[in-house]
ModelCIF file with pLDDT and N, C-alpha, C, O atoms, coordinates in Angstrom:
data_MODEL
#
_entry.id   MODEL 
#
_entity.id                         1 
_entity.type                       polymer 
_entity.pdbx_number_of_molecules   1 
#
_entity_poly.entity_id                      1 
_entity_poly.type                           'polypeptide(L)' 
_entity_poly.nstd_linkage                   no 
_entity_poly.nstd_monomer                   no 
_entity_poly.pdbx_seq_one_letter_code       
;(UNK)(UNK)(UNK)(UNK)(UNK)(UNK)(UNK)(UNK)(UNK)(UNK)(UNK)(UNK)(UNK)(UNK)(UNK)(UNK)
(UNK)(UNK)(UNK)(UNK)(UNK)(UNK)(UNK)(UNK)(UNK)(UNK)(UNK)(UNK)(UNK)(UNK)(UNK)(UNK)
(UNK)(UNK)(UNK)(UNK)(UNK)(UNK)(UNK)(UNK)(UNK)(UNK)(UNK)
;
_entity_poly.pdbx_seq_one_letter_code_can   XXXXXXXXXXXXXXXXXXXXXXXXXXXXXXXXXXXXXXXXXXX 
_entity_poly.pdbx_strand_id                 A 
#
loop_
_entity_poly_seq.entity_id 
_entity_poly_seq.num 
_entity_poly_seq.mon_id 
_entity_poly_seq.hetero 
1 1  UNK n 
1 2  UNK n 
1 3  UNK n 
1 4  UNK n 
1 5  UNK n 
1 6  UNK n 
1 7  UNK n 
1 8  UNK n 
1 9  UNK n 
1 10 UNK n 
1 11 UNK n 
1 12 UNK n 
1 13 UNK n 
1 14 UNK n 
1 15 UNK n 
1 16 UNK n 
1 17 UNK n 
1 18 UNK n 
1 19 UNK n 
1 20 UNK n 
1 21 UNK n 
1 22 UNK n 
1 23 UNK n 
1 24 UNK n 
1 25 UNK n 
1 26 UNK n 
1 27 UNK n 
1 28 UNK n 
1 29 UNK n 
1 30 UNK n 
1 31 UNK n 
1 32 UNK n 
1 33 UNK n 
1 34 UNK n 
1 35 UNK n 
1 36 UNK n 
1 37 UNK n 
1 38 UNK n 
1 39 UNK n 
1 40 UNK n 
1 41 UNK n 
1 42 UNK n 
1 43 UNK n 
#
_struct_asym.id          A 
_struct_asym.entity_id   1 
#
loop_
_ma_qa_metric.id 
_ma_qa_metric.mode 
_ma_qa_metric.name 
_ma_qa_metric.software_group_id 
_ma_qa_metric.type 
1 global pLDDT . pLDDT 
2 local  pLDDT . pLDDT 
#
_ma_qa_metric_global.metric_id      1 
_ma_qa_metric_global.metric_value   75.26 
_ma_qa_metric_global.model_id       1 
_ma_qa_metric_global.ordinal_id     1 
#
loop_
_ma_qa_metric_local.label_asym_id 
_ma_qa_metric_local.label_comp_id 
_ma_qa_metric_local.label_seq_id 
_ma_qa_metric_local.metric_id 
_ma_qa_metric_local.metric_value 
_ma_qa_metric_local.model_id 
_ma_qa_metric_local.ordinal_id 
A UNK 1  2 94.00 1 1  
A UNK 2  2 94.00 1 2  
A UNK 3  2 96.00 1 3  
A UNK 4  2 95.00 1 4  
A UNK 5  2 92.00 1 5  
A UNK 6  2 94.00 1 6  
A UNK 7  2 95.00 1 7  
A UNK 8  2 92.00 1 8  
A UNK 9  2 89.00 1 9  
A UNK 10 2 91.00 1 10 
A UNK 11 2 90.00 1 11 
A UNK 12 2 82.00 1 12 
A UNK 13 2 75.00 1 13 
A UNK 14 2 82.00 1 14 
A UNK 15 2 81.00 1 15 
A UNK 16 2 72.00 1 16 
A UNK 17 2 72.00 1 17 
A UNK 18 2 76.00 1 18 
A UNK 19 2 72.00 1 19 
A UNK 20 2 68.00 1 20 
A UNK 21 2 70.00 1 21 
A UNK 22 2 64.00 1 22 
A UNK 23 2 64.00 1 23 
A UNK 24 2 65.00 1 24 
A UNK 25 2 63.00 1 25 
A UNK 26 2 60.00 1 26 
A UNK 27 2 62.00 1 27 
A UNK 28 2 61.00 1 28 
A UNK 29 2 60.00 1 29 
A UNK 30 2 64.00 1 30 
A UNK 31 2 66.00 1 31 
A UNK 32 2 65.00 1 32 
A UNK 33 2 65.00 1 33 
A UNK 34 2 71.00 1 34 
A UNK 35 2 73.00 1 35 
A UNK 36 2 69.00 1 36 
A UNK 37 2 69.00 1 37 
A UNK 38 2 71.00 1 38 
A UNK 39 2 73.00 1 39 
A UNK 40 2 71.00 1 40 
A UNK 41 2 68.00 1 41 
A UNK 42 2 70.00 1 42 
A UNK 43 2 70.00 1 43 
#
loop_
_atom_site.group_PDB 
_atom_site.id 
_atom_site.type_symbol 
_atom_site.label_atom_id 
_atom_site.label_alt_id 
_atom_site.label_comp_id 
_atom_site.label_asym_id 
_atom_site.label_entity_id 
_atom_site.label_seq_id 
_atom_site.pdbx_PDB_ins_code 
_atom_site.Cartn_x 
_atom_site.Cartn_y 
_atom_site.Cartn_z 
_atom_site.occupancy 
_atom_site.B_iso_or_equiv 
_atom_site.pdbx_formal_charge 
_atom_site.auth_seq_id 
_atom_site.auth_comp_id 
_atom_site.auth_asym_id 
_atom_site.auth_atom_id 
_atom_site.pdbx_PDB_model_num 
ATOM 1   N N  . UNK A 1 1  ? 87.632  -6.008 151.908 1.00 94.00 ? 1  UNK A N  1 
ATOM 2   C CA . UNK A 1 1  ? 87.844  -5.785 150.288 1.00 94.00 ? 1  UNK A CA 1 
ATOM 3   C C  . UNK A 1 1  ? 86.959  -4.599 149.506 1.00 94.00 ? 1  UNK A C  1 
ATOM 4   O O  . UNK A 1 1  ? 87.339  -3.815 148.637 1.00 94.00 ? 1  UNK A O  1 
ATOM 5   N N  . UNK A 1 2  ? 85.783  -4.733 150.060 1.00 94.00 ? 2  UNK A N  1 
ATOM 6   C CA . UNK A 1 2  ? 85.001  -3.554 149.455 1.00 94.00 ? 2  UNK A CA 1 
ATOM 7   C C  . UNK A 1 2  ? 85.123  -1.856 149.773 1.00 94.00 ? 2  UNK A C  1 
ATOM 8   O O  . UNK A 1 2  ? 85.086  -0.872 149.034 1.00 94.00 ? 2  UNK A O  1 
ATOM 9   N N  . UNK A 1 3  ? 85.309  -2.059 151.460 1.00 96.00 ? 3  UNK A N  1 
ATOM 10  C CA . UNK A 1 3  ? 85.873  -0.684 151.607 1.00 96.00 ? 3  UNK A CA 1 
ATOM 11  C C  . UNK A 1 3  ? 87.135  -0.323 150.772 1.00 96.00 ? 3  UNK A C  1 
ATOM 12  O O  . UNK A 1 3  ? 87.119  0.748  150.164 1.00 96.00 ? 3  UNK A O  1 
ATOM 13  N N  . UNK A 1 4  ? 88.109  -1.041 150.702 1.00 95.00 ? 4  UNK A N  1 
ATOM 14  C CA . UNK A 1 4  ? 89.265  -1.046 149.979 1.00 95.00 ? 4  UNK A CA 1 
ATOM 15  C C  . UNK A 1 4  ? 89.291  -0.367 148.894 1.00 95.00 ? 4  UNK A C  1 
ATOM 16  O O  . UNK A 1 4  ? 90.029  0.535  148.499 1.00 95.00 ? 4  UNK A O  1 
ATOM 17  N N  . UNK A 1 5  ? 87.889  -1.208 148.194 1.00 92.00 ? 5  UNK A N  1 
ATOM 18  C CA . UNK A 1 5  ? 87.847  -0.626 146.489 1.00 92.00 ? 5  UNK A CA 1 
ATOM 19  C C  . UNK A 1 5  ? 87.220  0.821  146.422 1.00 92.00 ? 5  UNK A C  1 
ATOM 20  O O  . UNK A 1 5  ? 87.427  1.589  145.483 1.00 92.00 ? 5  UNK A O  1 
ATOM 21  N N  . UNK A 1 6  ? 86.333  1.149  147.651 1.00 94.00 ? 6  UNK A N  1 
ATOM 22  C CA . UNK A 1 6  ? 85.398  1.996  147.488 1.00 94.00 ? 6  UNK A CA 1 
ATOM 23  C C  . UNK A 1 6  ? 86.827  3.676  147.587 1.00 94.00 ? 6  UNK A C  1 
ATOM 24  O O  . UNK A 1 6  ? 87.124  4.561  146.783 1.00 94.00 ? 6  UNK A O  1 
ATOM 25  N N  . UNK A 1 7  ? 87.278  3.342  148.947 1.00 95.00 ? 7  UNK A N  1 
ATOM 26  C CA . UNK A 1 7  ? 88.339  4.238  149.159 1.00 95.00 ? 7  UNK A CA 1 
ATOM 27  C C  . UNK A 1 7  ? 89.539  4.415  147.784 1.00 95.00 ? 7  UNK A C  1 
ATOM 28  O O  . UNK A 1 7  ? 90.010  5.496  147.431 1.00 95.00 ? 7  UNK A O  1 
ATOM 29  N N  . UNK A 1 8  ? 89.811  3.274  147.255 1.00 92.00 ? 8  UNK A N  1 
ATOM 30  C CA . UNK A 1 8  ? 90.972  3.753  146.095 1.00 92.00 ? 8  UNK A CA 1 
ATOM 31  C C  . UNK A 1 8  ? 90.092  4.245  144.958 1.00 92.00 ? 8  UNK A C  1 
ATOM 32  O O  . UNK A 1 8  ? 90.593  4.983  144.110 1.00 92.00 ? 8  UNK A O  1 
ATOM 33  N N  . UNK A 1 9  ? 88.866  3.902  144.885 1.00 89.00 ? 9  UNK A N  1 
ATOM 34  C CA . UNK A 1 9  ? 88.196  4.139  143.377 1.00 89.00 ? 9  UNK A CA 1 
ATOM 35  C C  . UNK A 1 9  ? 87.692  6.122  143.508 1.00 89.00 ? 9  UNK A C  1 
ATOM 36  O O  . UNK A 1 9  ? 87.146  6.839  142.670 1.00 89.00 ? 9  UNK A O  1 
ATOM 37  N N  . UNK A 1 10 ? 88.104  6.382  144.685 1.00 91.00 ? 10 UNK A N  1 
ATOM 38  C CA . UNK A 1 10 ? 87.652  7.934  144.888 1.00 91.00 ? 10 UNK A CA 1 
ATOM 39  C C  . UNK A 1 10 ? 88.929  8.820  144.027 1.00 91.00 ? 10 UNK A C  1 
ATOM 40  O O  . UNK A 1 10 ? 88.800  9.657  143.134 1.00 91.00 ? 10 UNK A O  1 
ATOM 41  N N  . UNK A 1 11 ? 89.883  8.410  144.519 1.00 90.00 ? 11 UNK A N  1 
ATOM 42  C CA . UNK A 1 11 ? 91.217  9.324  143.669 1.00 90.00 ? 11 UNK A CA 1 
ATOM 43  C C  . UNK A 1 11 ? 91.617  8.654  142.362 1.00 90.00 ? 11 UNK A C  1 
ATOM 44  O O  . UNK A 1 11 ? 92.334  9.251  141.559 1.00 90.00 ? 11 UNK A O  1 
ATOM 45  N N  . UNK A 1 12 ? 91.107  7.268  142.107 1.00 82.00 ? 12 UNK A N  1 
ATOM 46  C CA . UNK A 1 12 ? 91.633  6.926  140.788 1.00 82.00 ? 12 UNK A CA 1 
ATOM 47  C C  . UNK A 1 12 ? 90.338  7.559  139.874 1.00 82.00 ? 12 UNK A C  1 
ATOM 48  O O  . UNK A 1 12 ? 90.350  6.811  138.896 1.00 82.00 ? 12 UNK A O  1 
ATOM 49  N N  . UNK A 1 13 ? 89.513  8.282  139.716 1.00 75.00 ? 13 UNK A N  1 
ATOM 50  C CA . UNK A 1 13 ? 88.423  8.874  139.352 1.00 75.00 ? 13 UNK A CA 1 
ATOM 51  C C  . UNK A 1 13 ? 88.897  10.064 139.098 1.00 75.00 ? 13 UNK A C  1 
ATOM 52  O O  . UNK A 1 13 ? 88.691  10.271 137.903 1.00 75.00 ? 13 UNK A O  1 
ATOM 53  N N  . UNK A 1 14 ? 89.577  11.225 139.721 1.00 82.00 ? 14 UNK A N  1 
ATOM 54  C CA . UNK A 1 14 ? 89.589  12.553 139.676 1.00 82.00 ? 14 UNK A CA 1 
ATOM 55  C C  . UNK A 1 14 ? 91.675  12.636 139.599 1.00 82.00 ? 14 UNK A C  1 
ATOM 56  O O  . UNK A 1 14 ? 92.299  13.658 139.882 1.00 82.00 ? 14 UNK A O  1 
ATOM 57  N N  . UNK A 1 15 ? 92.305  11.368 139.178 1.00 81.00 ? 15 UNK A N  1 
ATOM 58  C CA . UNK A 1 15 ? 93.857  11.780 139.058 1.00 81.00 ? 15 UNK A CA 1 
ATOM 59  C C  . UNK A 1 15 ? 93.906  11.900 137.626 1.00 81.00 ? 15 UNK A C  1 
ATOM 60  O O  . UNK A 1 15 ? 94.652  12.850 137.391 1.00 81.00 ? 15 UNK A O  1 
ATOM 61  N N  . UNK A 1 16 ? 93.458  11.382 136.503 1.00 72.00 ? 16 UNK A N  1 
ATOM 62  C CA . UNK A 1 16 ? 93.469  11.799 135.522 1.00 72.00 ? 16 UNK A CA 1 
ATOM 63  C C  . UNK A 1 16 ? 93.324  13.239 134.728 1.00 72.00 ? 16 UNK A C  1 
ATOM 64  O O  . UNK A 1 16 ? 94.017  13.779 133.866 1.00 72.00 ? 16 UNK A O  1 
ATOM 65  N N  . UNK A 1 17 ? 91.865  13.689 135.547 1.00 72.00 ? 17 UNK A N  1 
ATOM 66  C CA . UNK A 1 17 ? 91.595  15.256 135.262 1.00 72.00 ? 17 UNK A CA 1 
ATOM 67  C C  . UNK A 1 17 ? 92.845  15.948 135.972 1.00 72.00 ? 17 UNK A C  1 
ATOM 68  O O  . UNK A 1 17 ? 93.641  16.561 135.260 1.00 72.00 ? 17 UNK A O  1 
ATOM 69  N N  . UNK A 1 18 ? 93.023  15.881 137.193 1.00 76.00 ? 18 UNK A N  1 
ATOM 70  C CA . UNK A 1 18 ? 94.345  16.617 138.092 1.00 76.00 ? 18 UNK A CA 1 
ATOM 71  C C  . UNK A 1 18 ? 95.465  16.442 137.355 1.00 76.00 ? 18 UNK A C  1 
ATOM 72  O O  . UNK A 1 18 ? 96.304  17.336 137.239 1.00 76.00 ? 18 UNK A O  1 
ATOM 73  N N  . UNK A 1 19 ? 95.563  15.364 136.839 1.00 72.00 ? 19 UNK A N  1 
ATOM 74  C CA . UNK A 1 19 ? 97.410  15.412 136.054 1.00 72.00 ? 19 UNK A CA 1 
ATOM 75  C C  . UNK A 1 19 ? 97.223  16.597 134.896 1.00 72.00 ? 19 UNK A C  1 
ATOM 76  O O  . UNK A 1 19 ? 97.852  17.651 134.993 1.00 72.00 ? 19 UNK A O  1 
ATOM 77  N N  . UNK A 1 20 ? 96.397  16.364 133.902 1.00 68.00 ? 20 UNK A N  1 
ATOM 78  C CA . UNK A 1 20 ? 96.050  17.298 132.644 1.00 68.00 ? 20 UNK A CA 1 
ATOM 79  C C  . UNK A 1 20 ? 95.656  18.840 132.896 1.00 68.00 ? 20 UNK A C  1 
ATOM 80  O O  . UNK A 1 20 ? 95.599  19.759 132.080 1.00 68.00 ? 20 UNK A O  1 
ATOM 81  N N  . UNK A 1 21 ? 95.339  18.835 134.630 1.00 70.00 ? 21 UNK A N  1 
ATOM 82  C CA . UNK A 1 21 ? 94.527  20.067 134.892 1.00 70.00 ? 21 UNK A CA 1 
ATOM 83  C C  . UNK A 1 21 ? 95.902  21.315 135.295 1.00 70.00 ? 21 UNK A C  1 
ATOM 84  O O  . UNK A 1 21 ? 95.880  22.530 135.097 1.00 70.00 ? 21 UNK A O  1 
ATOM 85  N N  . UNK A 1 22 ? 96.954  20.509 135.879 1.00 64.00 ? 22 UNK A N  1 
ATOM 86  C CA . UNK A 1 22 ? 97.825  21.295 136.794 1.00 64.00 ? 22 UNK A CA 1 
ATOM 87  C C  . UNK A 1 22 ? 98.644  22.049 135.590 1.00 64.00 ? 22 UNK A C  1 
ATOM 88  O O  . UNK A 1 22 ? 99.140  23.158 135.790 1.00 64.00 ? 22 UNK A O  1 
ATOM 89  N N  . UNK A 1 23 ? 98.734  21.514 134.582 1.00 64.00 ? 23 UNK A N  1 
ATOM 90  C CA . UNK A 1 23 ? 99.166  22.208 133.440 1.00 64.00 ? 23 UNK A CA 1 
ATOM 91  C C  . UNK A 1 23 ? 99.166  23.121 132.690 1.00 64.00 ? 23 UNK A C  1 
ATOM 92  O O  . UNK A 1 23 ? 98.393  22.391 132.069 1.00 64.00 ? 23 UNK A O  1 
ATOM 93  N N  . UNK A 1 24 ? 99.251  24.020 132.086 1.00 65.00 ? 24 UNK A N  1 
ATOM 94  C CA . UNK A 1 24 ? 98.862  24.874 130.794 1.00 65.00 ? 24 UNK A CA 1 
ATOM 95  C C  . UNK A 1 24 ? 98.077  23.963 129.806 1.00 65.00 ? 24 UNK A C  1 
ATOM 96  O O  . UNK A 1 24 ? 98.569  22.945 129.318 1.00 65.00 ? 24 UNK A O  1 
ATOM 97  N N  . UNK A 1 25 ? 96.908  24.377 129.570 1.00 63.00 ? 25 UNK A N  1 
ATOM 98  C CA . UNK A 1 25 ? 96.445  23.498 128.438 1.00 63.00 ? 25 UNK A CA 1 
ATOM 99  C C  . UNK A 1 25 ? 97.120  22.840 127.017 1.00 63.00 ? 25 UNK A C  1 
ATOM 100 O O  . UNK A 1 25 ? 97.018  21.723 126.509 1.00 63.00 ? 25 UNK A O  1 
ATOM 101 N N  . UNK A 1 26 ? 97.966  24.253 126.562 1.00 60.00 ? 26 UNK A N  1 
ATOM 102 C CA . UNK A 1 26 ? 98.646  23.568 125.041 1.00 60.00 ? 26 UNK A CA 1 
ATOM 103 C C  . UNK A 1 26 ? 99.949  22.790 125.791 1.00 60.00 ? 26 UNK A C  1 
ATOM 104 O O  . UNK A 1 26 ? 100.799 22.366 125.007 1.00 60.00 ? 26 UNK A O  1 
ATOM 105 N N  . UNK A 1 27 ? 100.146 22.602 126.981 1.00 62.00 ? 27 UNK A N  1 
ATOM 106 C CA . UNK A 1 27 ? 100.978 21.122 127.181 1.00 62.00 ? 27 UNK A CA 1 
ATOM 107 C C  . UNK A 1 27 ? 100.224 19.867 128.000 1.00 62.00 ? 27 UNK A C  1 
ATOM 108 O O  . UNK A 1 27 ? 100.752 19.226 128.909 1.00 62.00 ? 27 UNK A O  1 
ATOM 109 N N  . UNK A 1 28 ? 98.895  19.663 127.484 1.00 61.00 ? 28 UNK A N  1 
ATOM 110 C CA . UNK A 1 28 ? 98.331  18.731 127.692 1.00 61.00 ? 28 UNK A CA 1 
ATOM 111 C C  . UNK A 1 28 ? 98.828  17.409 127.443 1.00 61.00 ? 28 UNK A C  1 
ATOM 112 O O  . UNK A 1 28 ? 98.744  16.484 128.252 1.00 61.00 ? 28 UNK A O  1 
ATOM 113 N N  . UNK A 1 29 ? 99.412  17.334 126.168 1.00 60.00 ? 29 UNK A N  1 
ATOM 114 C CA . UNK A 1 29 ? 100.085 16.000 125.957 1.00 60.00 ? 29 UNK A CA 1 
ATOM 115 C C  . UNK A 1 29 ? 101.265 15.424 126.716 1.00 60.00 ? 29 UNK A C  1 
ATOM 116 O O  . UNK A 1 29 ? 101.591 14.287 127.055 1.00 60.00 ? 29 UNK A O  1 
ATOM 117 N N  . UNK A 1 30 ? 101.815 16.716 126.864 1.00 64.00 ? 30 UNK A N  1 
ATOM 118 C CA . UNK A 1 30 ? 103.257 16.772 127.711 1.00 64.00 ? 30 UNK A CA 1 
ATOM 119 C C  . UNK A 1 30 ? 102.685 15.957 129.380 1.00 64.00 ? 30 UNK A C  1 
ATOM 120 O O  . UNK A 1 30 ? 102.992 14.857 129.840 1.00 64.00 ? 30 UNK A O  1 
ATOM 121 N N  . UNK A 1 31 ? 101.789 17.020 129.933 1.00 66.00 ? 31 UNK A N  1 
ATOM 122 C CA . UNK A 1 31 ? 101.204 16.113 131.170 1.00 66.00 ? 31 UNK A CA 1 
ATOM 123 C C  . UNK A 1 31 ? 100.392 14.846 131.263 1.00 66.00 ? 31 UNK A C  1 
ATOM 124 O O  . UNK A 1 31 ? 99.988  14.386 132.331 1.00 66.00 ? 31 UNK A O  1 
ATOM 125 N N  . UNK A 1 32 ? 100.135 14.206 129.848 1.00 65.00 ? 32 UNK A N  1 
ATOM 126 C CA . UNK A 1 32 ? 99.354  13.293 130.207 1.00 65.00 ? 32 UNK A CA 1 
ATOM 127 C C  . UNK A 1 32 ? 100.599 12.431 129.815 1.00 65.00 ? 32 UNK A C  1 
ATOM 128 O O  . UNK A 1 32 ? 100.788 11.460 130.547 1.00 65.00 ? 32 UNK A O  1 
ATOM 129 N N  . UNK A 1 33 ? 101.350 12.590 128.940 1.00 65.00 ? 33 UNK A N  1 
ATOM 130 C CA . UNK A 1 33 ? 102.681 11.461 128.802 1.00 65.00 ? 33 UNK A CA 1 
ATOM 131 C C  . UNK A 1 33 ? 103.577 11.330 130.527 1.00 65.00 ? 33 UNK A C  1 
ATOM 132 O O  . UNK A 1 33 ? 104.077 10.273 130.911 1.00 65.00 ? 33 UNK A O  1 
ATOM 133 N N  . UNK A 1 34 ? 103.598 12.309 131.143 1.00 71.00 ? 34 UNK A N  1 
ATOM 134 C CA . UNK A 1 34 ? 104.488 12.201 132.081 1.00 71.00 ? 34 UNK A CA 1 
ATOM 135 C C  . UNK A 1 34 ? 103.413 11.688 133.188 1.00 71.00 ? 34 UNK A C  1 
ATOM 136 O O  . UNK A 1 34 ? 103.838 10.808 133.936 1.00 71.00 ? 34 UNK A O  1 
ATOM 137 N N  . UNK A 1 35 ? 102.374 12.027 133.345 1.00 73.00 ? 35 UNK A N  1 
ATOM 138 C CA . UNK A 1 35 ? 101.565 11.138 134.092 1.00 73.00 ? 35 UNK A CA 1 
ATOM 139 C C  . UNK A 1 35 ? 101.462 9.914  134.061 1.00 73.00 ? 35 UNK A C  1 
ATOM 140 O O  . UNK A 1 35 ? 101.395 9.280  135.114 1.00 73.00 ? 35 UNK A O  1 
ATOM 141 N N  . UNK A 1 36 ? 101.420 9.199  132.635 1.00 69.00 ? 36 UNK A N  1 
ATOM 142 C CA . UNK A 1 36 ? 101.103 7.995  132.145 1.00 69.00 ? 36 UNK A CA 1 
ATOM 143 C C  . UNK A 1 36 ? 102.303 7.242  132.535 1.00 69.00 ? 36 UNK A C  1 
ATOM 144 O O  . UNK A 1 36 ? 102.253 6.034  132.768 1.00 69.00 ? 36 UNK A O  1 
ATOM 145 N N  . UNK A 1 37 ? 103.447 7.979  132.615 1.00 69.00 ? 37 UNK A N  1 
ATOM 146 C CA . UNK A 1 37 ? 104.770 7.564  132.724 1.00 69.00 ? 37 UNK A CA 1 
ATOM 147 C C  . UNK A 1 37 ? 105.037 7.252  134.564 1.00 69.00 ? 37 UNK A C  1 
ATOM 148 O O  . UNK A 1 37 ? 105.750 6.350  135.005 1.00 69.00 ? 37 UNK A O  1 
ATOM 149 N N  . UNK A 1 38 ? 104.422 8.046  135.224 1.00 71.00 ? 38 UNK A N  1 
ATOM 150 C CA . UNK A 1 38 ? 104.744 8.196  136.475 1.00 71.00 ? 38 UNK A CA 1 
ATOM 151 C C  . UNK A 1 38 ? 103.374 6.783  136.970 1.00 71.00 ? 38 UNK A C  1 
ATOM 152 O O  . UNK A 1 38 ? 103.677 5.921  137.796 1.00 71.00 ? 38 UNK A O  1 
ATOM 153 N N  . UNK A 1 39 ? 102.172 6.806  136.398 1.00 73.00 ? 39 UNK A N  1 
ATOM 154 C CA . UNK A 1 39 ? 101.914 5.861  136.636 1.00 73.00 ? 39 UNK A CA 1 
ATOM 155 C C  . UNK A 1 39 ? 102.105 4.508  136.477 1.00 73.00 ? 39 UNK A C  1 
ATOM 156 O O  . UNK A 1 39 ? 101.961 3.802  137.475 1.00 73.00 ? 39 UNK A O  1 
ATOM 157 N N  . UNK A 1 40 ? 102.463 3.895  135.204 1.00 71.00 ? 40 UNK A N  1 
ATOM 158 C CA . UNK A 1 40 ? 102.997 2.568  135.047 1.00 71.00 ? 40 UNK A CA 1 
ATOM 159 C C  . UNK A 1 40 ? 104.144 2.491  136.002 1.00 71.00 ? 40 UNK A C  1 
ATOM 160 O O  . UNK A 1 40 ? 104.093 1.601  136.851 1.00 71.00 ? 40 UNK A O  1 
ATOM 161 N N  . UNK A 1 41 ? 104.936 3.113  135.987 1.00 68.00 ? 41 UNK A N  1 
ATOM 162 C CA . UNK A 1 41 ? 106.626 3.411  136.373 1.00 68.00 ? 41 UNK A CA 1 
ATOM 163 C C  . UNK A 1 41 ? 106.258 3.004  138.122 1.00 68.00 ? 41 UNK A C  1 
ATOM 164 O O  . UNK A 1 41 ? 106.677 1.917  138.521 1.00 68.00 ? 41 UNK A O  1 
ATOM 165 N N  . UNK A 1 42 ? 105.595 3.774  138.962 1.00 70.00 ? 42 UNK A N  1 
ATOM 166 C CA . UNK A 1 42 ? 104.751 3.807  140.415 1.00 70.00 ? 42 UNK A CA 1 
ATOM 167 C C  . UNK A 1 42 ? 103.980 2.549  140.427 1.00 70.00 ? 42 UNK A C  1 
ATOM 168 O O  . UNK A 1 42 ? 104.165 1.862  141.432 1.00 70.00 ? 42 UNK A O  1 
ATOM 169 N N  . UNK A 1 43 ? 103.296 2.163  139.693 1.00 70.00 ? 43 UNK A N  1 
ATOM 170 C CA . UNK A 1 43 ? 102.682 0.700  139.643 1.00 70.00 ? 43 UNK A CA 1 
ATOM 171 C C  . UNK A 1 43 ? 103.528 -0.534 139.993 1.00 70.00 ? 43 UNK A C  1 
ATOM 172 O O  . UNK A 1 43 ? 103.028 -1.658 139.947 1.00 70.00 ? 43 UNK A O  1 
#
């Protein structure tokens, strides 16, 4: 469980920033919404 928690915490701490950073800054809201929808639907 400790190993799983450690491994999953690595992308968990980076993916929000990645989701915003891979689009132009002025579309940050769109990126946040798409990533949020992907996250909730995917989970």
